[in-house]
């Protein structure tokens, strides 16, 4: 035992330096671990935000329930969107318009034909003929871009413009 005490006495400075170095290393390790624990605590608190006294099993069950609700609502929205898209194919979406003079002695191009069609080129063409004594308006059905009623050249132009998606209002 005397030898051990002699050894400690001879190397006291080195032992103190070693213990100081070892303590500094341990202190740095404690700081790093504290920082990691703080980050993990923040992650946990953000995961359990709004929930108190929950364990992970309850938390995962709660999250799974929320995901199932979201998926159910998403499927319902997809079905609603599909219904709306289907209904919109039958809405009037194509318009062709043509103004013209129905009679040679008339000016200002007050007569017109307007074609209103859906996605499948079904709809009608509305024509208004303006004359000095009277004006006449009538509509003709259109199915697949054609009519079972004879069409005037102006009505055919209006239908063609609607089918081609011509945006500008043209004159004859």
Protein backbone atom coordinates (compact mmCIF):
# COMPACT_ATOMS: atom_id res chain seq x y z
CA UNK A 1 0.00 0.00 0.00
CA UNK A 2 2.94 2.27 0.71
CA UNK A 3 4.13 1.87 -2.82
CA UNK A 4 0.72 2.87 -4.14
CA UNK A 5 0.69 6.00 -1.99
CA UNK A 6 4.23 6.81 -3.12
CA UNK A 7 3.16 6.38 -6.74
CA UNK A 8 0.13 8.64 -6.23
CA UNK A 9 2.33 11.22 -4.53
CA UNK A 10 4.90 11.21 -7.34
CA UNK A 11 2.29 11.49 -10.10
CA UNK A 12 -0.32 13.66 -8.37
CA UNK A 13 -0.09 16.40 -10.98
CA UNK A 14 -0.59 13.96 -13.83
CA UNK A 15 -3.44 12.24 -12.06
CA UNK A 16 -5.19 15.58 -11.44
CA UNK A 17 -4.67 16.59 -15.10
CA UNK A 18 -6.03 13.24 -16.25
CA UNK A 19 -9.07 13.49 -14.00
CA UNK A 20 -9.64 17.10 -15.18
CA UNK A 21 -9.38 16.05 -18.84
CA UNK A 22 -11.69 13.09 -18.23
CA UNK A 23 -14.17 15.38 -16.42
CA UNK A 24 -14.08 17.87 -19.32
CA UNK A 25 -14.76 15.07 -21.83
CA UNK A 26 -17.64 13.82 -19.67
CA UNK A 27 -19.00 17.38 -19.40
CA UNK A 28 -18.94 17.73 -23.22
CA UNK A 29 -20.68 14.36 -23.59
CA UNK A 30 -23.35 15.49 -21.09
CA UNK A 31 -23.91 18.73 -23.09
CA UNK A 32 -24.23 16.82 -26.39
CA UNK A 33 -26.64 14.33 -24.83
CA UNK A 34 -28.65 17.15 -23.26
CA UNK A 35 -28.98 18.76 -26.70
CA UNK A 36 -30.13 15.47 -28.22
CA UNK A 37 -32.66 14.93 -25.44
CA UNK A 38 -33.98 18.47 -25.94
CA UNK A 39 -34.47 17.86 -29.68
CA UNK A 40 -36.21 14.52 -29.04
CA UNK A 41 -38.45 16.16 -26.42
CA UNK A 42 -39.44 18.84 -28.96
CA UNK A 43 -40.24 16.15 -31.55
CA UNK A 44 -42.31 14.26 -28.99
CA UNK A 45 -44.17 17.40 -27.92
CA UNK A 46 -44.96 18.29 -31.52
CA UNK A 47 -46.16 14.70 -32.09
CA UNK A 48 -48.41 14.78 -29.02
CA UNK A 49 -49.49 18.42 -29.37
CA UNK A 50 -52.95 18.89 -27.92
CA UNK A 51 -52.94 15.47 -26.24
CA UNK A 52 -52.20 14.93 -22.59
CA UNK A 53 -51.25 11.74 -20.82
CA UNK A 54 -51.06 9.55 -23.92
CA UNK A 55 -48.79 6.69 -24.57
CA UNK A 56 -47.43 5.83 -27.98
CA UNK A 57 -49.92 3.03 -28.58
CA UNK A 58 -52.88 5.39 -27.99
CA UNK A 59 -51.18 8.05 -30.10
CA UNK A 60 -50.72 5.70 -33.06
CA UNK A 61 -54.30 4.47 -32.75
CA UNK A 62 -55.49 8.10 -32.77
CA UNK A 63 -53.33 8.94 -35.81
CA UNK A 64 -54.50 5.82 -37.65
CA UNK A 65 -58.11 6.77 -36.97
CA UNK A 66 -57.48 10.28 -38.33
CA UNK A 67 -55.84 8.84 -41.46
CA UNK A 68 -58.81 6.53 -42.04
CA UNK A 69 -61.21 9.48 -41.69
CA UNK A 70 -59.15 11.52 -44.15
CA UNK A 71 -59.05 8.64 -46.65
CA UNK A 72 -62.82 8.20 -46.36
CA UNK A 73 -63.43 11.90 -46.97
CA UNK A 74 -60.96 11.88 -49.87
CA UNK A 75 -62.83 9.01 -51.55
CA UNK A 76 -66.10 10.87 -51.05
CA UNK A 77 -64.60 14.00 -52.63
CA UNK A 78 -63.23 11.96 -55.56
CA UNK A 79 -66.71 10.49 -56.15
CA UNK A 80 -68.28 13.95 -55.97
CA UNK A 81 -65.69 15.29 -58.42
CA UNK A 82 -66.37 12.43 -60.83
CA UNK A 83 -70.10 13.19 -60.65
CA UNK A 84 -69.49 16.88 -61.30
CA UNK A 85 -67.15 16.13 -64.21
CA UNK A 86 -69.73 13.76 -65.71
CA UNK A 87 -72.49 16.35 -65.34
CA UNK A 88 -70.31 19.04 -66.88
CA UNK A 89 -69.86 17.04 -70.08
CA UNK A 90 -73.57 17.63 -70.71
CA UNK A 91 -73.40 21.35 -69.89
CA UNK A 92 -73.27 23.86 -72.71
CA UNK A 93 -69.57 24.51 -73.30
CA UNK A 94 -69.17 25.35 -76.96
CA UNK A 95 -70.53 28.52 -78.52
CA UNK A 96 -70.46 29.59 -82.14
CA UNK A 97 -71.87 32.96 -83.16
CA UNK A 98 -72.47 34.64 -86.52
CA UNK A 99 -74.05 38.03 -87.28
CA UNK A 100 -75.28 38.75 -90.79
CA UNK A 101 -77.75 40.60 -92.98
CA UNK A 102 -80.65 38.29 -93.75
CA UNK A 103 -81.93 40.62 -96.51
CA UNK A 104 -79.88 42.51 -99.05
CA UNK A 105 -81.67 45.83 -98.43
CA UNK A 106 -80.99 45.76 -94.65
CA UNK A 107 -77.89 47.07 -92.92
CA UNK A 108 -76.20 46.75 -89.52
CA UNK A 109 -76.12 42.93 -89.54
CA UNK A 110 -79.01 42.58 -87.08
CA UNK A 111 -79.73 38.91 -87.81
CA UNK A 112 -77.72 36.24 -86.03
CA UNK A 113 -77.27 32.52 -85.47
CA UNK A 114 -75.76 31.16 -82.27
CA UNK A 115 -74.93 27.51 -81.69
CA UNK A 116 -74.81 26.23 -78.08
CA UNK A 117 -73.31 22.74 -77.73
CA UNK A 118 -72.10 20.37 -75.00
CA UNK A 119 -68.91 18.28 -75.04
CA UNK A 120 -70.51 15.75 -77.40
CA UNK A 121 -71.70 18.45 -79.86
CA UNK A 122 -75.33 18.13 -78.75
CA UNK A 123 -77.45 21.20 -78.17
CA UNK A 124 -79.25 23.68 -80.38
CA UNK A 125 -78.76 26.54 -82.80
CA UNK A 126 -80.79 29.68 -82.19
CA UNK A 127 -81.45 31.98 -85.15
CA UNK A 128 -83.02 35.41 -85.21
CA UNK A 129 -83.94 36.92 -88.57
CA UNK A 130 -84.45 40.69 -88.47
CA UNK A 131 -86.65 42.32 -91.10
CA UNK A 132 -88.23 45.78 -91.51
CA UNK A 133 -91.76 44.59 -90.78
CA UNK A 134 -91.05 41.78 -88.29
CA UNK A 135 -88.39 39.66 -86.64
CA UNK A 136 -88.52 35.90 -86.29
CA UNK A 137 -86.57 33.69 -83.89
CA UNK A 138 -86.40 29.91 -83.91
CA UNK A 139 -84.24 27.09 -82.58
CA UNK A 140 -83.17 23.82 -84.18
CA UNK A 141 -81.88 20.75 -82.32
CA UNK A 142 -78.30 19.59 -82.88
CA UNK A 143 -77.16 16.01 -82.20
CA UNK A 144 -73.53 15.00 -82.76
CA UNK A 145 -72.92 18.25 -84.63
CA UNK A 146 -75.79 17.71 -87.09
CA UNK A 147 -79.50 18.47 -87.22
CA UNK A 148 -82.44 16.48 -88.50
CA UNK A 149 -83.92 19.83 -89.60
CA UNK A 150 -82.48 21.62 -92.67
CA UNK A 151 -79.91 24.25 -91.69
CA UNK A 152 -79.14 27.56 -93.34
CA UNK A 153 -75.51 28.28 -94.35
CA UNK A 154 -75.26 30.77 -91.47
CA UNK A 155 -76.42 28.16 -88.96
CA UNK A 156 -73.90 25.68 -90.31
CA UNK A 157 -71.13 28.29 -89.89
CA UNK A 158 -72.22 28.94 -86.27
CA UNK A 159 -72.21 25.19 -85.53
CA UNK A 160 -68.81 24.77 -87.17
CA UNK A 161 -67.39 27.65 -85.11
CA UNK A 162 -68.75 26.10 -81.91
CA UNK A 163 -67.26 22.69 -82.73
CA UNK A 164 -63.87 24.19 -83.64
CA UNK A 165 -63.92 26.31 -80.49
CA UNK A 166 -63.50 29.57 -82.37
CA UNK A 167 -63.47 32.25 -79.69
CA UNK A 168 -63.88 35.42 -81.70
CA UNK A 169 -67.21 36.68 -82.92
CA UNK A 170 -67.01 36.69 -86.68
CA UNK A 171 -69.05 38.41 -89.32
CA UNK A 172 -70.11 36.98 -92.65
